C-alpha cells in the first residue's frame, strides 16, 4: 500500500511541476503581449517649421491618451527626428531616442526639438527608417508613426522639378531602397502609419 502511495505522490508531483511550467510559459507570453512599442519618426527640417508645434503637440496628446486608455499595458516610447544628407555632411546627427518607459524624458526631448536644416525638398527617409528598424523591438504590439511634409529622394516618388527638385533624382544617395525598408517593417510585424502634413 505504501508503494502505491509513493507512486501516486510522484505522479501528482510531476503533474504539479508540469502545470507550474505551463503557467510560467503562459505568464511570460502574457507579459510579452502586454508590452506596446510605439515609435515616432518625425521630419525636423526647416520646411516643418510652420507645423512643428502642432506636430509635437499631437504626439504629446497621443502619448497622454495612450497612457490613459492602455492601463495595465507596459508602454515603451521611442523617437527619431531626421533631416537630410546635407545635415549629415555637416556632422549633424539625427535624434535617436531608444525605447523607454520614462515618458517625461521623451516628452522633454520632443518639446525641445527645433526645425532646422534640410536643403532640397525630399529628405533622408531611408536613413530614418533604417534607424527605426535597428531599434530593440520587444513588444507584441509594435507601431511606428511617421510625420513628414516631404517625400523621400527619387523622382519616381514625387513630381518636384526645377529649383524645388531633388538633389538625388535617382533615389537614395546610399543606394538604399525605400520599398525594401517598408517590407522589413511588415516582416518584423511593425505597423507603420504615415501622416503627411500639408
C-alpha atoms as a PDB file:
ATOM      1  CA  UNK A   1       0.000   0.000   0.000  1.00  0.00           C
ATOM      2  CA  UNK A   2       2.811   2.415   0.903  1.00  0.00           C
ATOM      3  CA  UNK A   3       4.451   1.806  -2.523  1.00  0.00           C
ATOM      4  CA  UNK A   4       1.189   2.740  -4.250  1.00  0.00           C
ATOM      5  CA  UNK A   5       1.001   5.922  -2.160  1.00  0.00           C
ATOM      6  CA  UNK A   6       4.589   6.804  -3.085  1.00  0.00           C
ATOM      7  CA  UNK A   7       3.891   6.239  -6.812  1.00  0.00           C
ATOM      8  CA  UNK A   8       0.684   8.293  -6.619  1.00  0.00           C
ATOM      9  CA  UNK A   9       2.531  11.120  -4.849  1.00  0.00           C
ATOM     10  CA  UNK A  10       5.219  11.116  -7.578  1.00  0.00           C
ATOM     11  CA  UNK A  11       2.536  11.259 -10.231  1.00  0.00           C
ATOM     12  CA  UNK A  12       0.830  14.210  -8.503  1.00  0.00           C
ATOM     13  CA  UNK A  13       4.182  15.995  -8.037  1.00  0.00           C
ATOM     14  CA  UNK A  14       5.010  15.530 -11.739  1.00  0.00           C
ATOM     15  CA  UNK A  15       1.610  16.873 -12.770  1.00  0.00           C
ATOM     16  CA  UNK A  16       2.021  19.861 -10.460  1.00  0.00           C
ATOM     17  CA  UNK A  17       5.518  20.556 -11.816  1.00  0.00           C
ATOM     18  CA  UNK A  18       4.260  20.408 -15.408  1.00  0.00           C
ATOM     19  CA  UNK A  19       1.371  22.748 -14.577  1.00  0.00           C
ATOM     20  CA  UNK A  20       3.771  25.235 -12.968  1.00  0.00           C
ATOM     21  CA  UNK A  21       5.943  25.114 -16.107  1.00  0.00           C
ATOM     22  CA  UNK A  22       2.877  25.738 -18.284  1.00  0.00           C
ATOM     23  CA  UNK A  23       1.783  28.622 -16.057  1.00  0.00           C
ATOM     24  CA  UNK A  24       5.233  30.191 -16.249  1.00  0.00           C
ATOM     25  CA  UNK A  25       5.215  29.865 -20.025  1.00  0.00           C
ATOM     26  CA  UNK A  26       1.728  31.431 -20.212  1.00  0.00           C
ATOM     27  CA  UNK A  27       2.760  34.229 -17.837  1.00  0.00           C
ATOM     28  CA  UNK A  28       5.828  35.014 -19.957  1.00  0.00           C
ATOM     29  CA  UNK A  29       3.630  35.167 -23.064  1.00  0.00           C
ATOM     30  CA  UNK A  30       1.108  37.461 -21.337  1.00  0.00           C
ATOM     31  CA  UNK A  31       3.900  39.781 -20.159  1.00  0.00           C
ATOM     32  CA  UNK A  32       5.271  39.884 -23.689  1.00  0.00           C
ATOM     33  CA  UNK A  33       1.806  40.648 -25.093  1.00  0.00           C
ATOM     34  CA  UNK A  34       1.208  43.393 -22.530  1.00  0.00           C
ATOM     35  CA  UNK A  35       4.141  45.463 -23.846  1.00  0.00           C
ATOM     36  CA  UNK A  36       3.451  48.036 -26.535  1.00  0.00           C
ATOM     37  CA  UNK A  37       6.318  49.620 -28.501  1.00  0.00           C
ATOM     38  CA  UNK A  38       5.443  52.983 -30.019  1.00  0.00           C
ATOM     39  CA  UNK A  39       7.990  54.868 -32.140  1.00  0.00           C
ATOM     40  CA  UNK A  40       7.513  58.379 -33.510  1.00  0.00           C
ATOM     41  CA  UNK A  41       9.566  59.224 -36.619  1.00  0.00           C
ATOM     42  CA  UNK A  42       9.458  62.938 -37.454  1.00  0.00           C
ATOM     43  CA  UNK A  43      10.914  65.133 -40.168  1.00  0.00           C
ATOM     44  CA  UNK A  44      12.549  68.047 -38.303  1.00  0.00           C
ATOM     45  CA  UNK A  45      13.895  70.058 -41.269  1.00  0.00           C
ATOM     46  CA  UNK A  46      13.156  73.747 -41.948  1.00  0.00           C
ATOM     47  CA  UNK A  47      10.083  73.005 -44.048  1.00  0.00           C
ATOM     48  CA  UNK A  48       8.394  71.577 -40.937  1.00  0.00           C
ATOM     49  CA  UNK A  49       8.832  74.852 -39.001  1.00  0.00           C
ATOM     50  CA  UNK A  50       5.250  76.033 -39.599  1.00  0.00           C
ATOM     51  CA  UNK A  51       3.792  72.724 -38.464  1.00  0.00           C
ATOM     52  CA  UNK A  52       6.306  71.615 -35.856  1.00  0.00           C
ATOM     53  CA  UNK A  53       4.495  72.826 -32.749  1.00  0.00           C
ATOM     54  CA  UNK A  54       1.223  71.263 -33.902  1.00  0.00           C
ATOM     55  CA  UNK A  55       3.007  68.012 -34.745  1.00  0.00           C
ATOM     56  CA  UNK A  56       4.795  67.937 -31.370  1.00  0.00           C
ATOM     57  CA  UNK A  57       1.561  68.710 -29.502  1.00  0.00           C
ATOM     58  CA  UNK A  58      -0.219  65.995 -31.468  1.00  0.00           C
ATOM     59  CA  UNK A  59       2.439  63.456 -30.476  1.00  0.00           C
ATOM     60  CA  UNK A  60       2.315  64.526 -26.818  1.00  0.00           C
ATOM     61  CA  UNK A  61      -1.508  64.322 -26.814  1.00  0.00           C
ATOM     62  CA  UNK A  62      -1.304  60.854 -28.339  1.00  0.00           C
ATOM     63  CA  UNK A  63       1.135  59.721 -25.625  1.00  0.00           C
ATOM     64  CA  UNK A  64      -1.224  61.070 -22.935  1.00  0.00           C
ATOM     65  CA  UNK A  65      -4.233  59.324 -24.493  1.00  0.00           C
ATOM     66  CA  UNK A  66      -2.391  56.010 -24.791  1.00  0.00           C
ATOM     67  CA  UNK A  67      -1.327  56.233 -21.142  1.00  0.00           C
ATOM     68  CA  UNK A  68      -4.959  56.819 -20.134  1.00  0.00           C
ATOM     69  CA  UNK A  69      -6.567  54.176 -22.352  1.00  0.00           C
ATOM     70  CA  UNK A  70      -3.959  51.430 -22.036  1.00  0.00           C
ATOM     71  CA  UNK A  71      -3.795  50.989 -18.264  1.00  0.00           C
ATOM     72  CA  UNK A  72      -2.069  47.743 -17.339  1.00  0.00           C
ATOM     73  CA  UNK A  73      -0.001  47.690 -20.525  1.00  0.00           C
ATOM     74  CA  UNK A  74       3.708  48.483 -20.457  1.00  0.00           C
ATOM     75  CA  UNK A  75       4.221  51.244 -22.995  1.00  0.00           C
ATOM     76  CA  UNK A  76       7.697  51.851 -24.384  1.00  0.00           C
ATOM     77  CA  UNK A  77       8.150  55.066 -26.367  1.00  0.00           C
ATOM     78  CA  UNK A  78      10.880  55.953 -28.838  1.00  0.00           C
ATOM     79  CA  UNK A  79      11.571  58.968 -31.067  1.00  0.00           C
ATOM     80  CA  UNK A  80      13.558  59.665 -34.230  1.00  0.00           C
ATOM     81  CA  UNK A  81      13.985  63.191 -35.582  1.00  0.00           C
ATOM     82  CA  UNK A  82      15.551  63.069 -39.037  1.00  0.00           C
ATOM     83  CA  UNK A  83      16.839  65.552 -41.621  1.00  0.00           C
ATOM     84  CA  UNK A  84      18.791  65.117 -44.859  1.00  0.00           C
ATOM     85  CA  UNK A  85      22.205  64.225 -46.275  1.00  0.00           C
ATOM     86  CA  UNK A  86      23.393  67.846 -46.253  1.00  0.00           C
ATOM     87  CA  UNK A  87      22.953  67.896 -42.460  1.00  0.00           C
ATOM     88  CA  UNK A  88      24.866  64.632 -42.046  1.00  0.00           C
ATOM     89  CA  UNK A  89      27.642  66.058 -44.243  1.00  0.00           C
ATOM     90  CA  UNK A  90      27.970  68.955 -41.776  1.00  0.00           C
ATOM     91  CA  UNK A  91      28.443  66.494 -38.924  1.00  0.00           C
ATOM     92  CA  UNK A  92      24.923  66.656 -37.524  1.00  0.00           C
ATOM     93  CA  UNK A  93      23.352  63.508 -36.161  1.00  0.00           C
ATOM     94  CA  UNK A  94      19.684  62.628 -36.211  1.00  0.00           C
ATOM     95  CA  UNK A  95      17.832  62.497 -32.893  1.00  0.00           C
ATOM     96  CA  UNK A  96      17.515  58.832 -31.983  1.00  0.00           C
ATOM     97  CA  UNK A  97      15.897  58.115 -28.603  1.00  0.00           C
ATOM     98  CA  UNK A  98      15.739  54.445 -27.625  1.00  0.00           C
ATOM     99  CA  UNK A  99      12.578  52.811 -26.292  1.00  0.00           C
ATOM    100  CA  UNK A 100      11.896  53.798 -22.705  1.00  0.00           C
ATOM    101  CA  UNK A 101       9.123  53.875 -20.125  1.00  0.00           C
ATOM    102  CA  UNK A 102      10.420  57.270 -18.986  1.00  0.00           C
ATOM    103  CA  UNK A 103       7.635  59.280 -20.621  1.00  0.00           C
ATOM    104  CA  UNK A 104       8.744  62.567 -19.077  1.00  0.00           C
ATOM    105  CA  UNK A 105      12.188  62.275 -20.665  1.00  0.00           C
ATOM    106  CA  UNK A 106      10.667  61.544 -24.092  1.00  0.00           C
ATOM    107  CA  UNK A 107       8.244  64.461 -23.711  1.00  0.00           C
ATOM    108  CA  UNK A 108      11.026  66.887 -22.745  1.00  0.00           C
ATOM    109  CA  UNK A 109      13.148  65.806 -25.713  1.00  0.00           C
ATOM    110  CA  UNK A 110      10.227  66.220 -28.126  1.00  0.00           C
ATOM    111  CA  UNK A 111       9.359  69.636 -26.668  1.00  0.00           C
ATOM    112  CA  UNK A 112      12.921  70.881 -27.308  1.00  0.00           C
ATOM    113  CA  UNK A 113      13.028  69.749 -30.955  1.00  0.00           C
ATOM    114  CA  UNK A 114      13.668  72.626 -33.390  1.00  0.00           C
ATOM    115  CA  UNK A 115      13.093  72.648 -37.159  1.00  0.00           C
ATOM    116  CA  UNK A 116      16.439  73.230 -38.893  1.00  0.00           C
ATOM    117  CA  UNK A 117      18.424  72.137 -41.906  1.00  0.00           C
ATOM    118  CA  UNK A 118      17.367  70.204 -44.958  1.00  0.00           C
ATOM    119  CA  UNK A 119      18.215  71.524 -48.399  1.00  0.00           C
ATOM    120  CA  UNK A 120      16.219  70.259 -51.330  1.00  0.00           C
ATOM    121  CA  UNK A 121      12.616  69.293 -50.583  1.00  0.00           C
ATOM    122  CA  UNK A 122      12.977  65.482 -50.318  1.00  0.00           C
ATOM    123  CA  UNK A 123      14.533  64.199 -47.108  1.00  0.00           C
ATOM    124  CA  UNK A 124      16.547  61.191 -45.945  1.00  0.00           C
ATOM    125  CA  UNK A 125      13.589  58.960 -45.163  1.00  0.00           C
ATOM    126  CA  UNK A 126      15.600  55.784 -45.791  1.00  0.00           C
ATOM    127  CA  UNK A 127      18.036  56.877 -43.066  1.00  0.00           C
ATOM    128  CA  UNK A 128      15.160  57.389 -40.623  1.00  0.00           C
ATOM    129  CA  UNK A 129      13.567  54.022 -41.410  1.00  0.00           C
ATOM    130  CA  UNK A 130      16.953  52.321 -41.078  1.00  0.00           C
ATOM    131  CA  UNK A 131      17.350  53.751 -37.556  1.00  0.00           C
ATOM    132  CA  UNK A 132      13.805  52.641 -36.749  1.00  0.00           C
ATOM    133  CA  UNK A 133      14.327  49.046 -37.879  1.00  0.00           C
ATOM    134  CA  UNK A 134      17.527  48.769 -35.828  1.00  0.00           C
ATOM    135  CA  UNK A 135      15.742  49.559 -32.578  1.00  0.00           C
ATOM    136  CA  UNK A 136      15.122  46.913 -29.929  1.00  0.00           C
ATOM    137  CA  UNK A 137      11.533  45.991 -30.802  1.00  0.00           C
ATOM    138  CA  UNK A 138      10.433  43.667 -27.987  1.00  0.00           C
ATOM    139  CA  UNK A 139       6.686  44.231 -27.573  1.00  0.00           C
ATOM    140  CA  UNK A 140       3.987  42.028 -29.042  1.00  0.00           C
ATOM    141  CA  UNK A 141       2.294  45.202 -30.320  1.00  0.00           C
ATOM    142  CA  UNK A 142       4.602  47.360 -32.445  1.00  0.00           C
ATOM    143  CA  UNK A 143       3.718  50.694 -34.015  1.00  0.00           C
ATOM    144  CA  UNK A 144       5.751  53.324 -35.869  1.00  0.00           C
ATOM    145  CA  UNK A 145       4.206  56.687 -36.761  1.00  0.00           C
ATOM    146  CA  UNK A 146       5.913  58.771 -39.440  1.00  0.00           C
ATOM    147  CA  UNK A 147       5.180  62.520 -39.519  1.00  0.00           C
ATOM    148  CA  UNK A 148       6.523  64.486 -42.504  1.00  0.00           C
ATOM    149  CA  UNK A 149       5.706  67.085 -45.152  1.00  0.00           C
ATOM    150  CA  UNK A 150       8.253  65.808 -47.684  1.00  0.00           C
ATOM    151  CA  UNK A 151       8.839  62.680 -49.764  1.00  0.00           C
ATOM    152  CA  UNK A 152      11.953  60.536 -49.841  1.00  0.00           C
ATOM    153  CA  UNK A 153      14.610  61.025 -52.523  1.00  0.00           C
ATOM    154  CA  UNK A 154      13.971  59.687 -56.026  1.00  0.00           C
ATOM    155  CA  UNK A 155      11.881  61.279 -58.771  1.00  0.00           C
ATOM    156  CA  UNK A 156       9.773  58.138 -59.084  1.00  0.00           C
ATOM    157  CA  UNK A 157       8.254  59.053 -55.694  1.00  0.00           C
ATOM    158  CA  UNK A 158       7.318  62.689 -56.421  1.00  0.00           C
ATOM    159  CA  UNK A 159       6.857  65.257 -59.178  1.00  0.00           C
ATOM    160  CA  UNK A 160       9.132  68.010 -57.833  1.00  0.00           C
ATOM    161  CA  UNK A 161      11.011  69.828 -60.600  1.00  0.00           C
ATOM    162  CA  UNK A 162      13.358  72.804 -61.110  1.00  0.00           C
ATOM    163  CA  UNK A 163      14.643  74.674 -58.057  1.00  0.00           C
ATOM    164  CA  UNK A 164      12.338  72.656 -55.833  1.00  0.00           C
ATOM    165  CA  UNK A 165      13.654  69.448 -57.306  1.00  0.00           C
ATOM    166  CA  UNK A 166      15.594  66.557 -55.899  1.00  0.00           C
ATOM    167  CA  UNK A 167      19.376  66.615 -55.459  1.00  0.00           C
ATOM    168  CA  UNK A 168      19.240  62.816 -55.741  1.00  0.00           C
ATOM    169  CA  UNK A 169      16.717  62.198 -58.559  1.00  0.00           C
ATOM    170  CA  UNK A 170      17.826  58.576 -58.976  1.00  0.00           C
ATOM    171  CA  UNK A 171      16.950  57.798 -55.365  1.00  0.00           C
ATOM    172  CA  UNK A 172      18.695  57.393 -52.044  1.00  0.00           C
ATOM    173  CA  UNK A 173      22.327  58.561 -52.012  1.00  0.00           C
ATOM    174  CA  UNK A 174      23.434  55.384 -50.237  1.00  0.00           C
ATOM    175  CA  UNK A 175      21.644  53.149 -52.757  1.00  0.00           C
ATOM    176  CA  UNK A 176      19.010  52.058 -50.248  1.00  0.00           C
ATOM    177  CA  UNK A 177      15.542  51.078 -51.423  1.00  0.00           C
ATOM    178  CA  UNK A 178      12.504  52.559 -49.665  1.00  0.00           C
ATOM    179  CA  UNK A 179      10.257  49.651 -50.669  1.00  0.00           C
ATOM    180  CA  UNK A 180      12.617  47.155 -49.033  1.00  0.00           C
ATOM    181  CA  UNK A 181      12.550  49.140 -45.801  1.00  0.00           C
ATOM    182  CA  UNK A 182       8.757  49.229 -45.790  1.00  0.00           C
ATOM    183  CA  UNK A 183       8.649  45.468 -46.447  1.00  0.00           C
ATOM    184  CA  UNK A 184      11.018  44.984 -43.496  1.00  0.00           C
ATOM    185  CA  UNK A 185       8.539  46.726 -41.215  1.00  0.00           C
ATOM    186  CA  UNK A 186       5.928  44.202 -42.308  1.00  0.00           C
ATOM    187  CA  UNK A 187       8.295  41.246 -41.847  1.00  0.00           C
ATOM    188  CA  UNK A 188       9.113  42.459 -38.324  1.00  0.00           C
ATOM    189  CA  UNK A 189       5.392  42.828 -37.546  1.00  0.00           C
ATOM    190  CA  UNK A 190       5.677  46.584 -37.076  1.00  0.00           C
ATOM    191  CA  UNK A 191       2.632  48.600 -38.169  1.00  0.00           C
ATOM    192  CA  UNK A 192       3.841  51.721 -39.983  1.00  0.00           C
ATOM    193  CA  UNK A 193       1.495  54.707 -40.170  1.00  0.00           C
ATOM    194  CA  UNK A 194       2.399  57.696 -42.344  1.00  0.00           C
ATOM    195  CA  UNK A 195       0.978  61.149 -41.606  1.00  0.00           C
ATOM    196  CA  UNK A 196       1.650  63.684 -44.362  1.00  0.00           C
ATOM    197  CA  UNK A 197       1.429  67.296 -43.261  1.00  0.00           C
ATOM    198  CA  UNK A 198       0.396  69.837 -45.902  1.00  0.00           C
END
